[in-house]
Full PDB file with SEQRES, HELIX, SHEET, SSBOND, CRYST1, ORIGX, SCALE, CONECT and MASTER records, all heavy atoms in Angstrom:
SEQRES   1 A   39  ILE LEU PRO PRO ASP LEU PHE GLN LYS TYR ALA GLN LEU          
SEQRES   2 A   39  SER PHE TRP ARG GLU LEU THR ASP SER LYS ALA PHE ARG          
SEQRES   3 A   39  ILE THR SER LYS ALA VAL GLN SER GLU PRO GLN GLN HIS          
HELIX    1 AA1 PRO A    4  TYR A   10  1                                   7    
HELIX    2 AA2 PHE A   15  GLU A   18  5                                   4    
CRYST1    1.000    1.000    1.000  90.00  90.00  90.00 P 1           1          
ORIGX1      1.000000  0.000000  0.000000        0.00000                         
ORIGX2      0.000000  1.000000  0.000000        0.00000                         
ORIGX3      0.000000  0.000000  1.000000        0.00000                         
SCALE1      1.000000  0.000000  0.000000        0.00000                         
SCALE2      0.000000  1.000000  0.000000        0.00000                         
SCALE3      0.000000  0.000000  1.000000        0.00000                         
ATOM      1  N   ILE A   1     -12.998  13.135 -19.430  1.00  0.00           N  
ATOM      2  CA  ILE A   1     -14.442  12.903 -19.544  1.00  0.00           C  
ATOM      3  C   ILE A   1     -14.867  11.592 -18.874  1.00  0.00           C  
ATOM      4  O   ILE A   1     -16.007  11.211 -18.914  1.00  0.00           O  
ATOM      5  CB  ILE A   1     -14.886  12.898 -21.029  1.00  0.00           C  
ATOM      6  CG1 ILE A   1     -14.208  11.752 -21.796  1.00  0.00           C  
ATOM      7  CG2 ILE A   1     -14.617  14.229 -21.662  1.00  0.00           C  
ATOM      8  CD1 ILE A   1     -14.766  11.567 -23.195  1.00  0.00           C  
ATOM      9  N   LEU A   2     -13.882  10.890 -18.256  1.00  0.00           N  
ATOM     10  CA  LEU A   2     -14.209   9.670 -17.537  1.00  0.00           C  
ATOM     11  C   LEU A   2     -14.822   9.999 -16.159  1.00  0.00           C  
ATOM     12  O   LEU A   2     -14.473  11.001 -15.530  1.00  0.00           O  
ATOM     13  CB  LEU A   2     -12.958   8.817 -17.290  1.00  0.00           C  
ATOM     14  CG  LEU A   2     -12.271   8.246 -18.521  1.00  0.00           C  
ATOM     15  CD1 LEU A   2     -11.048   7.451 -18.055  1.00  0.00           C  
ATOM     16  CD2 LEU A   2     -13.196   7.407 -19.343  1.00  0.00           C  
ATOM     17  N   PRO A   3     -15.724   9.168 -15.656  1.00  0.00           N  
ATOM     18  CA  PRO A   3     -16.183   9.336 -14.250  1.00  0.00           C  
ATOM     19  C   PRO A   3     -15.006   9.236 -13.323  1.00  0.00           C  
ATOM     20  O   PRO A   3     -14.011   8.540 -13.578  1.00  0.00           O  
ATOM     21  CB  PRO A   3     -17.141   8.130 -14.079  1.00  0.00           C  
ATOM     22  CG  PRO A   3     -17.564   7.758 -15.446  1.00  0.00           C  
ATOM     23  CD  PRO A   3     -16.406   8.058 -16.349  1.00  0.00           C  
ATOM     24  N   PRO A   4     -15.047   9.983 -12.206  1.00  0.00           N  
ATOM     25  CA  PRO A   4     -13.904  10.045 -11.312  1.00  0.00           C  
ATOM     26  C   PRO A   4     -13.403   8.684 -10.795  1.00  0.00           C  
ATOM     27  O   PRO A   4     -12.206   8.463 -10.682  1.00  0.00           O  
ATOM     28  CB  PRO A   4     -14.418  10.921 -10.132  1.00  0.00           C  
ATOM     29  CG  PRO A   4     -15.478  11.739 -10.739  1.00  0.00           C  
ATOM     30  CD  PRO A   4     -16.131  10.891 -11.767  1.00  0.00           C  
ATOM     31  N   ASP A   5     -14.331   7.770 -10.521  1.00  0.00           N  
ATOM     32  CA  ASP A   5     -13.922   6.471  -9.990  1.00  0.00           C  
ATOM     33  C   ASP A   5     -13.134   5.662 -11.050  1.00  0.00           C  
ATOM     34  O   ASP A   5     -12.149   5.001 -10.749  1.00  0.00           O  
ATOM     35  CB  ASP A   5     -15.110   5.677  -9.479  1.00  0.00           C  
ATOM     36  CG  ASP A   5     -16.218   5.481 -10.530  1.00  0.00           C  
ATOM     37  OD1 ASP A   5     -16.321   6.347 -11.431  1.00  0.00           O  
ATOM     38  OD2 ASP A   5     -16.974   4.512 -10.425  1.00  0.00           O  
ATOM     39  N   LEU A   6     -13.568   5.748 -12.306  1.00  0.00           N  
ATOM     40  CA  LEU A   6     -12.870   5.063 -13.377  1.00  0.00           C  
ATOM     41  C   LEU A   6     -11.477   5.680 -13.582  1.00  0.00           C  
ATOM     42  O   LEU A   6     -10.487   4.949 -13.731  1.00  0.00           O  
ATOM     43  CB  LEU A   6     -13.668   5.140 -14.680  1.00  0.00           C  
ATOM     44  CG  LEU A   6     -14.648   4.043 -14.996  1.00  0.00           C  
ATOM     45  CD1 LEU A   6     -15.223   4.239 -16.382  1.00  0.00           C  
ATOM     46  CD2 LEU A   6     -14.013   2.655 -14.853  1.00  0.00           C  
ATOM     47  N   PHE A   7     -11.397   6.973 -13.625  1.00  0.00           N  
ATOM     48  CA  PHE A   7     -10.110   7.632 -13.850  1.00  0.00           C  
ATOM     49  C   PHE A   7      -9.139   7.259 -12.725  1.00  0.00           C  
ATOM     50  O   PHE A   7      -7.981   6.965 -12.992  1.00  0.00           O  
ATOM     51  CB  PHE A   7     -10.311   9.159 -13.922  1.00  0.00           C  
ATOM     52  CG  PHE A   7      -9.079   9.879 -14.354  1.00  0.00           C  
ATOM     53  CD1 PHE A   7      -8.811  10.077 -15.704  1.00  0.00           C  
ATOM     54  CD2 PHE A   7      -8.157  10.331 -13.444  1.00  0.00           C  
ATOM     55  CE1 PHE A   7      -7.676  10.746 -16.124  1.00  0.00           C  
ATOM     56  CE2 PHE A   7      -7.003  11.004 -13.843  1.00  0.00           C  
ATOM     57  CZ  PHE A   7      -6.760  11.192 -15.183  1.00  0.00           C  
ATOM     58  N   GLN A   8      -9.610   7.295 -11.485  1.00  0.00           N  
ATOM     59  CA  GLN A   8      -8.751   6.969 -10.367  1.00  0.00           C  
ATOM     60  C   GLN A   8      -8.263   5.539 -10.457  1.00  0.00           C  
ATOM     61  O   GLN A   8      -7.080   5.254 -10.156  1.00  0.00           O  
ATOM     62  CB  GLN A   8      -9.523   7.194  -9.056  1.00  0.00           C  
ATOM     63  CG  GLN A   8      -8.744   6.869  -7.777  1.00  0.00           C  
ATOM     64  CD  GLN A   8      -7.585   7.831  -7.566  1.00  0.00           C  
ATOM     65  OE1 GLN A   8      -7.571   8.920  -8.081  1.00  0.00           O  
ATOM     66  NE2 GLN A   8      -6.612   7.390  -6.759  1.00  0.00           N  
ATOM     67  N   LYS A   9      -9.139   4.615 -10.809  1.00  0.00           N  
ATOM     68  CA  LYS A   9      -8.745   3.221 -10.909  1.00  0.00           C  
ATOM     69  C   LYS A   9      -7.622   2.993 -11.881  1.00  0.00           C  
ATOM     70  O   LYS A   9      -6.648   2.270 -11.565  1.00  0.00           O  
ATOM     71  CB  LYS A   9      -9.971   2.403 -11.315  1.00  0.00           C  
ATOM     72  CG  LYS A   9      -9.686   0.899 -11.537  1.00  0.00           C  
ATOM     73  CD  LYS A   9     -10.946   0.162 -11.972  1.00  0.00           C  
ATOM     74  CE  LYS A   9     -10.635  -1.335 -12.243  1.00  0.00           C  
ATOM     75  NZ  LYS A   9     -11.896  -2.047 -12.650  1.00  0.00           N  
ATOM     76  N   TYR A  10      -7.690   3.607 -13.049  1.00  0.00           N  
ATOM     77  CA  TYR A  10      -6.696   3.334 -14.082  1.00  0.00           C  
ATOM     78  C   TYR A  10      -5.485   4.263 -14.020  1.00  0.00           C  
ATOM     79  O   TYR A  10      -4.512   4.010 -14.748  1.00  0.00           O  
ATOM     80  CB  TYR A  10      -7.363   3.357 -15.466  1.00  0.00           C  
ATOM     81  CG  TYR A  10      -8.262   2.172 -15.671  1.00  0.00           C  
ATOM     82  CD1 TYR A  10      -9.620   2.234 -15.440  1.00  0.00           C  
ATOM     83  CD2 TYR A  10      -7.729   0.935 -16.060  1.00  0.00           C  
ATOM     84  CE1 TYR A  10     -10.415   1.120 -15.590  1.00  0.00           C  
ATOM     85  CE2 TYR A  10      -8.522  -0.166 -16.225  1.00  0.00           C  
ATOM     86  CZ  TYR A  10      -9.869  -0.077 -15.973  1.00  0.00           C  
ATOM     87  OH  TYR A  10     -10.664  -1.184 -16.128  1.00  0.00           O  
ATOM     88  N   ALA A  11      -5.572   5.268 -13.189  1.00  0.00           N  
ATOM     89  CA  ALA A  11      -4.433   6.167 -13.009  1.00  0.00           C  
ATOM     90  C   ALA A  11      -3.296   5.530 -12.211  1.00  0.00           C  
ATOM     91  O   ALA A  11      -2.223   6.077 -12.062  1.00  0.00           O  
ATOM     92  CB  ALA A  11      -4.872   7.466 -12.367  1.00  0.00           C  
ATOM     93  N   GLN A  12      -3.554   4.361 -11.612  1.00  0.00           N  
ATOM     94  CA  GLN A  12      -2.586   3.713 -10.739  1.00  0.00           C  
ATOM     95  C   GLN A  12      -1.670   2.720 -11.461  1.00  0.00           C  
ATOM     96  O   GLN A  12      -0.911   1.999 -10.793  1.00  0.00           O  
ATOM     97  CB  GLN A  12      -3.329   2.958  -9.593  1.00  0.00           C  
ATOM     98  CG  GLN A  12      -4.430   3.758  -8.932  1.00  0.00           C  
ATOM     99  CD  GLN A  12      -3.914   4.960  -8.210  1.00  0.00           C  
ATOM    100  OE1 GLN A  12      -2.877   4.911  -7.555  1.00  0.00           O  
ATOM    101  NE2 GLN A  12      -4.604   6.067  -8.343  1.00  0.00           N  
ATOM    102  N   LEU A  13      -1.767   2.636 -12.767  1.00  0.00           N  
ATOM    103  CA  LEU A  13      -1.143   1.495 -13.468  1.00  0.00           C  
ATOM    104  C   LEU A  13       0.136   1.844 -14.258  1.00  0.00           C  
ATOM    105  O   LEU A  13       0.572   1.056 -15.078  1.00  0.00           O  
ATOM    106  CB  LEU A  13      -2.182   0.922 -14.447  1.00  0.00           C  
ATOM    107  CG  LEU A  13      -3.473   0.430 -13.813  1.00  0.00           C  
ATOM    108  CD1 LEU A  13      -4.402  -0.150 -14.891  1.00  0.00           C  
ATOM    109  CD2 LEU A  13      -3.219  -0.609 -12.725  1.00  0.00           C  
ATOM    110  N   SER A  14       0.762   2.951 -13.943  1.00  0.00           N  
ATOM    111  CA  SER A  14       1.970   3.365 -14.674  1.00  0.00           C  
ATOM    112  C   SER A  14       3.200   2.675 -14.089  1.00  0.00           C  
ATOM    113  O   SER A  14       4.068   3.278 -13.498  1.00  0.00           O  
ATOM    114  CB  SER A  14       2.133   4.886 -14.638  1.00  0.00           C  
ATOM    115  OG  SER A  14       1.025   5.519 -15.225  1.00  0.00           O  
ATOM    116  N   PHE A  15       3.291   1.364 -14.293  1.00  0.00           N  
ATOM    117  CA  PHE A  15       4.331   0.541 -13.679  1.00  0.00           C  
ATOM    118  C   PHE A  15       5.724   0.971 -14.105  1.00  0.00           C  
ATOM    119  O   PHE A  15       6.727   0.762 -13.373  1.00  0.00           O  
ATOM    120  CB  PHE A  15       4.125  -0.923 -14.021  1.00  0.00           C  
ATOM    121  CG  PHE A  15       4.415  -1.275 -15.453  1.00  0.00           C  
ATOM    122  CD1 PHE A  15       5.669  -1.674 -15.832  1.00  0.00           C  
ATOM    123  CD2 PHE A  15       3.382  -1.262 -16.382  1.00  0.00           C  
ATOM    124  CE1 PHE A  15       5.950  -2.003 -17.158  1.00  0.00           C  
ATOM    125  CE2 PHE A  15       3.629  -1.580 -17.725  1.00  0.00           C  
ATOM    126  CZ  PHE A  15       4.913  -1.968 -18.096  1.00  0.00           C  
ATOM    127  N   TRP A  16       5.868   1.555 -15.297  1.00  0.00           N  
ATOM    128  CA  TRP A  16       7.227   1.872 -15.852  1.00  0.00           C  
ATOM    129  C   TRP A  16       7.902   2.999 -15.091  1.00  0.00           C  
ATOM    130  O   TRP A  16       9.096   3.167 -15.204  1.00  0.00           O  
ATOM    131  CB  TRP A  16       7.076   2.297 -17.293  1.00  0.00           C  
ATOM    132  CG  TRP A  16       6.098   3.379 -17.543  1.00  0.00           C  
ATOM    133  CD1 TRP A  16       6.272   4.729 -17.461  1.00  0.00           C  
ATOM    134  CD2 TRP A  16       4.692   3.219 -17.839  1.00  0.00           C  
ATOM    135  NE1 TRP A  16       5.125   5.410 -17.724  1.00  0.00           N  
ATOM    136  CE2 TRP A  16       4.125   4.509 -17.941  1.00  0.00           C  
ATOM    137  CE3 TRP A  16       3.854   2.098 -18.066  1.00  0.00           C  
ATOM    138  CZ2 TRP A  16       2.774   4.705 -18.257  1.00  0.00           C  
ATOM    139  CZ3 TRP A  16       2.543   2.313 -18.342  1.00  0.00           C  
ATOM    140  CH2 TRP A  16       1.993   3.593 -18.471  1.00  0.00           C  
ATOM    141  N   ARG A  17       7.145   3.752 -14.263  1.00  0.00           N  
ATOM    142  CA  ARG A  17       7.772   4.828 -13.499  1.00  0.00           C  
ATOM    143  C   ARG A  17       8.529   4.327 -12.269  1.00  0.00           C  
ATOM    144  O   ARG A  17       9.364   5.002 -11.739  1.00  0.00           O  
ATOM    145  CB  ARG A  17       6.710   5.845 -13.064  1.00  0.00           C  
ATOM    146  CG  ARG A  17       6.140   6.629 -14.246  1.00  0.00           C  
ATOM    147  CD  ARG A  17       5.145   7.631 -13.773  1.00  0.00           C  
ATOM    148  NE  ARG A  17       4.626   8.388 -14.929  1.00  0.00           N  
ATOM    149  CZ  ARG A  17       3.532   9.172 -14.874  1.00  0.00           C  
ATOM    150  NH1 ARG A  17       2.872   9.277 -13.706  1.00  0.00           N  
ATOM    151  NH2 ARG A  17       3.140   9.809 -15.942  1.00  0.00           N  
ATOM    152  N   GLU A  18       8.200   3.125 -11.818  1.00  0.00           N  
ATOM    153  CA  GLU A  18       8.921   2.542 -10.684  1.00  0.00           C  
ATOM    154  C   GLU A  18       9.364   1.146 -11.048  1.00  0.00           C  
ATOM    155  O   GLU A  18       9.138   0.185 -10.318  1.00  0.00           O  
ATOM    156  CB  GLU A  18       8.005   2.550  -9.483  1.00  0.00           C  
ATOM    157  CG  GLU A  18       7.599   3.955  -9.012  1.00  0.00           C  
ATOM    158  CD  GLU A  18       6.704   3.961  -7.800  1.00  0.00           C  
ATOM    159  OE1 GLU A  18       6.416   2.872  -7.317  1.00  0.00           O  
ATOM    160  OE2 GLU A  18       6.284   5.036  -7.380  1.00  0.00           O  
ATOM    161  N   LEU A  19       9.976   1.042 -12.205  1.00  0.00           N  
ATOM    162  CA  LEU A  19      10.396  -0.244 -12.751  1.00  0.00           C  
ATOM    163  C   LEU A  19      11.694  -0.664 -12.093  1.00  0.00           C  
ATOM    164  O   LEU A  19      12.742  -0.057 -12.307  1.00  0.00           O  
ATOM    165  CB  LEU A  19      10.565  -0.097 -14.285  1.00  0.00           C  
ATOM    166  CG  LEU A  19      10.621  -1.373 -15.102  1.00  0.00           C  
ATOM    167  CD1 LEU A  19       9.334  -2.182 -14.931  1.00  0.00           C  
ATOM    168  CD2 LEU A  19      10.835  -1.020 -16.547  1.00  0.00           C  
ATOM    169  N   THR A  20      11.638  -1.723 -11.301  1.00  0.00           N  
ATOM    170  CA  THR A  20      12.854  -2.234 -10.660  1.00  0.00           C  
ATOM    171  C   THR A  20      13.265  -3.563 -11.268  1.00  0.00           C  
ATOM    172  O   THR A  20      12.442  -4.250 -11.858  1.00  0.00           O  
ATOM    173  CB  THR A  20      12.578  -2.457  -9.143  1.00  0.00           C  
ATOM    174  OG1 THR A  20      11.464  -3.353  -8.976  1.00  0.00           O  
ATOM    175  CG2 THR A  20      12.227  -1.134  -8.479  1.00  0.00           C  
ATOM    176  N   ASP A  21      14.538  -3.867 -11.191  1.00  0.00           N  
ATOM    177  CA  ASP A  21      15.102  -5.124 -11.713  1.00  0.00           C  
ATOM    178  C   ASP A  21      14.842  -5.278 -13.165  1.00  0.00           C  
ATOM    179  O   ASP A  21      14.577  -6.366 -13.694  1.00  0.00           O  
ATOM    180  CB  ASP A  21      14.516  -6.317 -10.936  1.00  0.00           C  
ATOM    181  CG  ASP A  21      14.806  -6.248  -9.448  1.00  0.00           C  
ATOM    182  OD1 ASP A  21      15.942  -5.845  -9.117  1.00  0.00           O  
ATOM    183  OD2 ASP A  21      13.941  -6.597  -8.641  1.00  0.00           O  
ATOM    184  N   SER A  22      14.912  -4.168 -13.918  1.00  0.00           N  
ATOM    185  CA  SER A  22      14.728  -4.203 -15.370  1.00  0.00           C  
ATOM    186  C   SER A  22      15.842  -3.420 -16.021  1.00  0.00           C  
ATOM    187  O   SER A  22      16.282  -2.386 -15.507  1.00  0.00           O  
ATOM    188  CB  SER A  22      13.372  -3.639 -15.776  1.00  0.00           C  
ATOM    189  OG  SER A  22      13.297  -3.483 -17.197  1.00  0.00           O  
ATOM    190  N   LYS A  23      16.304  -3.893 -17.178  1.00  0.00           N  
ATOM    191  CA  LYS A  23      17.368  -3.227 -17.906  1.00  0.00           C  
ATOM    192  C   LYS A  23      16.785  -2.314 -19.029  1.00  0.00           C  
ATOM    193  O   LYS A  23      17.544  -1.770 -19.816  1.00  0.00           O  
ATOM    194  CB  LYS A  23      18.295  -4.247 -18.545  1.00  0.00           C  
ATOM    195  CG  LYS A  23      19.090  -5.055 -17.516  1.00  0.00           C  
ATOM    196  CD  LYS A  23      20.011  -6.062 -18.194  1.00  0.00           C  
ATOM    197  CE  LYS A  23      20.798  -6.866 -17.163  1.00  0.00           C  
ATOM    198  NZ  LYS A  23      21.713  -7.851 -17.817  1.00  0.00           N  
ATOM    199  N   ALA A  24      15.498  -2.147 -19.067  1.00  0.00           N  
ATOM    200  CA  ALA A  24      14.879  -1.300 -20.075  1.00  0.00           C  
ATOM    201  C   ALA A  24      15.292   0.158 -19.831  1.00  0.00           C  
ATOM    202  O   ALA A  24      15.339   0.617 -18.710  1.00  0.00           O  
ATOM    203  CB  ALA A  24      13.361  -1.415 -20.026  1.00  0.00           C  
ATOM    204  N   PHE A  25      15.537   0.855 -20.916  1.00  0.00           N  
ATOM    205  CA  PHE A  25      15.835   2.297 -20.855  1.00  0.00           C  
ATOM    206  C   PHE A  25      14.491   3.045 -20.833  1.00  0.00           C  
ATOM    207  O   PHE A  25      13.521   2.607 -21.431  1.00  0.00           O  
ATOM    208  CB  PHE A  25      16.674   2.734 -22.037  1.00  0.00           C  
ATOM    209  CG  PHE A  25      18.078   2.177 -22.015  1.00  0.00           C  
ATOM    210  CD1 PHE A  25      18.328   0.881 -22.405  1.00  0.00           C  
ATOM    211  CD2 PHE A  25      19.125   2.995 -21.596  1.00  0.00           C  
ATOM    212  CE1 PHE A  25      19.627   0.371 -22.376  1.00  0.00           C  
ATOM    213  CE2 PHE A  25      20.426   2.499 -21.566  1.00  0.00           C  
ATOM    214  CZ  PHE A  25      20.677   1.185 -21.942  1.00  0.00           C  
ATOM    215  N   ARG A  26      14.489   4.185 -20.154  1.00  0.00           N  
ATOM    216  CA  ARG A  26      13.226   4.903 -20.015  1.00  0.00           C  
ATOM    217  C   ARG A  26      13.426   6.416 -20.113  1.00  0.00           C  
ATOM    218  O   ARG A  26      14.435   6.949 -19.654  1.00  0.00           O  
ATOM    219  CB  ARG A  26      12.572   4.590 -18.630  1.00  0.00           C  
ATOM    220  CG  ARG A  26      11.994   3.200 -18.549  1.00  0.00           C  
ATOM    221  CD  ARG A  26      11.591   2.869 -17.111  1.00  0.00           C  
ATOM    222  NE  ARG A  26      12.805   2.702 -16.323  1.00  0.00           N  
ATOM    223  CZ  ARG A  26      12.859   2.928 -15.006  1.00  0.00           C  
ATOM    224  NH1 ARG A  26      11.804   3.392 -14.353  1.00  0.00           N  
ATOM    225  NH2 ARG A  26      13.936   2.723 -14.305  1.00  0.00           N  
ATOM    226  N   ILE A  27      12.459   7.055 -20.734  1.00  0.00           N  
ATOM    227  CA  ILE A  27      12.355   8.534 -20.747  1.00  0.00           C  
ATOM    228  C   ILE A  27      11.054   8.878 -20.072  1.00  0.00           C  
ATOM    229  O   ILE A  27       9.999   8.763 -20.674  1.00  0.00           O  
ATOM    230  CB  ILE A  27      12.451   9.071 -22.168  1.00  0.00           C  
ATOM    231  CG1 ILE A  27      13.703   8.583 -22.900  1.00  0.00           C  
ATOM    232  CG2 ILE A  27      12.411  10.612 -22.159  1.00  0.00           C  
ATOM    233  CD1 ILE A  27      13.747   9.010 -24.375  1.00  0.00           C  
ATOM    234  N   THR A  28      11.155   9.245 -18.815  1.00  0.00           N  
ATOM    235  CA  THR A  28       9.943   9.459 -17.999  1.00  0.00           C  
ATOM    236  C   THR A  28      10.007  10.778 -17.271  1.00  0.00           C  
ATOM    237  O   THR A  28      11.034  11.455 -17.270  1.00  0.00           O  
ATOM    238  CB  THR A  28       9.757   8.292 -16.979  1.00  0.00           C  
ATOM    239  OG1 THR A  28      10.762   8.436 -15.954  1.00  0.00           O  
ATOM    240  CG2 THR A  28       9.854   6.956 -17.634  1.00  0.00           C  
ATOM    241  N   SER A  29       8.910  11.074 -16.593  1.00  0.00           N  
ATOM    242  CA  SER A  29       8.817  12.350 -15.841  1.00  0.00           C  
ATOM    243  C   SER A  29       9.065  12.182 -14.381  1.00  0.00           C  
ATOM    244  O   SER A  29       8.981  13.123 -13.642  1.00  0.00           O  
ATOM    245  CB  SER A  29       7.433  12.981 -16.070  1.00  0.00           C  
ATOM    246  OG  SER A  29       6.427  12.100 -15.637  1.00  0.00           O  
ATOM    247  N   LYS A  30       9.344  10.958 -13.923  1.00  0.00           N  
ATOM    248  CA  LYS A  30       9.490  10.696 -12.499  1.00  0.00           C  
ATOM    249  C   LYS A  30      10.798   9.934 -12.265  1.00  0.00           C  
ATOM    250  O   LYS A  30      11.037   8.864 -12.800  1.00  0.00           O  
ATOM    251  CB  LYS A  30       8.317   9.860 -11.995  1.00  0.00           C  
ATOM    252  CG  LYS A  30       8.295   9.700 -10.459  1.00  0.00           C  
ATOM    253  CD  LYS A  30       7.011   8.995 -10.055  1.00  0.00           C  
ATOM    254  CE  LYS A  30       6.925   8.852  -8.548  1.00  0.00           C  
ATOM    255  NZ  LYS A  30       5.709   8.168  -8.121  1.00  0.00           N  
ATOM    256  N   ALA A  31      11.668  10.501 -11.474  1.00  0.00           N  
ATOM    257  CA  ALA A  31      12.986   9.952 -11.279  1.00  0.00           C  
ATOM    258  C   ALA A  31      13.010   8.822 -10.297  1.00  0.00           C  
ATOM    259  O   ALA A  31      12.301   8.814  -9.314  1.00  0.00           O  
ATOM    260  CB  ALA A  31      13.962  11.037 -10.777  1.00  0.00           C  
ATOM    261  N   VAL A  32      13.836   7.811 -10.583  1.00  0.00           N  
ATOM    262  CA  VAL A  32      14.152   6.774  -9.617  1.00  0.00           C  
ATOM    263  C   VAL A  32      15.662   6.747  -9.549  1.00  0.00           C  
ATOM    264  O   VAL A  32      16.357   6.243 -10.440  1.00  0.00           O  
ATOM    265  CB  VAL A  32      13.603   5.390 -10.068  1.00  0.00           C  
ATOM    266  CG1 VAL A  32      13.954   4.330  -9.048  1.00  0.00           C  
ATOM    267  CG2 VAL A  32      12.080   5.449 -10.228  1.00  0.00           C  
ATOM    268  N   GLN A  33      16.216   7.369  -8.532  1.00  0.00           N  
ATOM    269  CA  GLN A  33      17.628   7.696  -8.532  1.00  0.00           C  
ATOM    270  C   GLN A  33      18.559   6.488  -8.626  1.00  0.00           C  
ATOM    271  O   GLN A  33      19.667   6.603  -9.128  1.00  0.00           O  
ATOM    272  CB  GLN A  33      17.965   8.485  -7.253  1.00  0.00           C  
ATOM    273  CG  GLN A  33      17.186   9.807  -7.137  1.00  0.00           C  
ATOM    274  CD  GLN A  33      17.573  10.790  -8.230  1.00  0.00           C  
ATOM    275  OE1 GLN A  33      18.704  10.754  -8.752  1.00  0.00           O  
ATOM    276  NE2 GLN A  33      16.646  11.651  -8.601  1.00  0.00           N  
ATOM    277  N   SER A  34      18.101   5.332  -8.179  1.00  0.00           N  
ATOM    278  CA  SER A  34      18.972   4.173  -8.166  1.00  0.00           C  
ATOM    279  C   SER A  34      19.066   3.443  -9.517  1.00  0.00           C  
ATOM    280  O   SER A  34      19.774   2.479  -9.643  1.00  0.00           O  
ATOM    281  CB  SER A  34      18.490   3.185  -7.106  1.00  0.00           C  
ATOM    282  OG  SER A  34      17.187   2.724  -7.432  1.00  0.00           O  
ATOM    283  N   GLU A  35      18.324   3.957 -10.503  1.00  0.00           N  
ATOM    284  CA  GLU A  35      18.245   3.252 -11.790  1.00  0.00           C  
ATOM    285  C   GLU A  35      18.861   4.086 -12.878  1.00  0.00           C  
ATOM    286  O   GLU A  35      18.219   5.017 -13.394  1.00  0.00           O  
ATOM    287  CB  GLU A  35      16.825   2.866 -12.104  1.00  0.00           C  
ATOM    288  CG  GLU A  35      16.236   1.938 -11.055  1.00  0.00           C  
ATOM    289  CD  GLU A  35      14.795   1.614 -11.360  1.00  0.00           C  
ATOM    290  OE1 GLU A  35      14.517   1.082 -12.442  1.00  0.00           O  
ATOM    291  OE2 GLU A  35      13.953   1.828 -10.507  1.00  0.00           O  
ATOM    292  N   PRO A  36      20.115   3.859 -13.277  1.00  0.00           N  
ATOM    293  CA  PRO A  36      20.792   4.736 -14.222  1.00  0.00           C  
ATOM    294  C   PRO A  36      20.239   4.700 -15.600  1.00  0.00           C  
ATOM    295  O   PRO A  36      20.507   5.584 -16.435  1.00  0.00           O  
ATOM    296  CB  PRO A  36      22.245   4.168 -14.225  1.00  0.00           C  
ATOM    297  CG  PRO A  36      22.108   2.754 -13.797  1.00  0.00           C  
ATOM    298  CD  PRO A  36      20.952   2.751 -12.836  1.00  0.00           C  
ATOM    299  N   GLN A  37      19.420   3.687 -15.977  1.00  0.00           N  
ATOM    300  CA  GLN A  37      18.875   3.655 -17.321  1.00  0.00           C  
ATOM    301  C   GLN A  37      17.746   4.663 -17.549  1.00  0.00           C  
ATOM    302  O   GLN A  37      17.299   4.836 -18.661  1.00  0.00           O  
ATOM    303  CB  GLN A  37      18.319   2.245 -17.676  1.00  0.00           C  
ATOM    304  CG  GLN A  37      19.383   1.218 -17.944  1.00  0.00           C  
ATOM    305  CD  GLN A  37      19.772   0.442 -16.721  1.00  0.00           C  
ATOM    306  OE1 GLN A  37      19.192   0.649 -15.661  1.00  0.00           O  
ATOM    307  NE2 GLN A  37      20.749  -0.415 -16.831  1.00  0.00           N  
ATOM    308  N   GLN A  38      17.324   5.339 -16.505  1.00  0.00           N  
ATOM    309  CA  GLN A  38      16.172   6.241 -16.646  1.00  0.00           C  
ATOM    310  C   GLN A  38      16.667   7.648 -16.936  1.00  0.00           C  
ATOM    311  O   GLN A  38      17.521   8.218 -16.256  1.00  0.00           O  
ATOM    312  CB  GLN A  38      15.326   6.265 -15.363  1.00  0.00           C  
ATOM    313  CG  GLN A  38      14.181   7.255 -15.461  1.00  0.00           C  
ATOM    314  CD  GLN A  38      13.037   6.906 -14.583  1.00  0.00           C  
ATOM    315  OE1 GLN A  38      12.571   5.756 -14.626  1.00  0.00           O  
ATOM    316  NE2 GLN A  38      12.552   7.833 -13.784  1.00  0.00           N  
ATOM    317  N   HIS A  39      16.103   8.213 -17.971  1.00  0.00           N  
ATOM    318  CA  HIS A  39      16.309   9.657 -18.298  1.00  0.00           C  
ATOM    319  C   HIS A  39      15.073  10.401 -17.851  1.00  0.00           C  
ATOM    320  O   HIS A  39      13.983  10.151 -18.320  1.00  0.00           O  
ATOM    321  CB  HIS A  39      16.496   9.861 -19.805  1.00  0.00           C  
ATOM    322  CG  HIS A  39      17.771   9.198 -20.328  1.00  0.00           C  
ATOM    323  ND1 HIS A  39      19.008   9.776 -20.190  1.00  0.00           N  
ATOM    324  CD2 HIS A  39      17.945   8.032 -20.975  1.00  0.00           C  
ATOM    325  CE1 HIS A  39      19.912   8.977 -20.745  1.00  0.00           C  
ATOM    326  NE2 HIS A  39      19.298   7.924 -21.208  1.00  0.00           N  
TER     327      HIS A  39                                                      
MASTER        0    0    0    2    0    0    0    6  326    1    0    3          
END                                                                             
């Protein structure tokens, strides 16, 4: 129900999907093959 420009602006902020140099474990929908902590 958000205006398209607002939705687009905030849709870019999922930093955890491309989290580099972090030891945090993740259960996500997007693979980063070089990071073994990601499920």
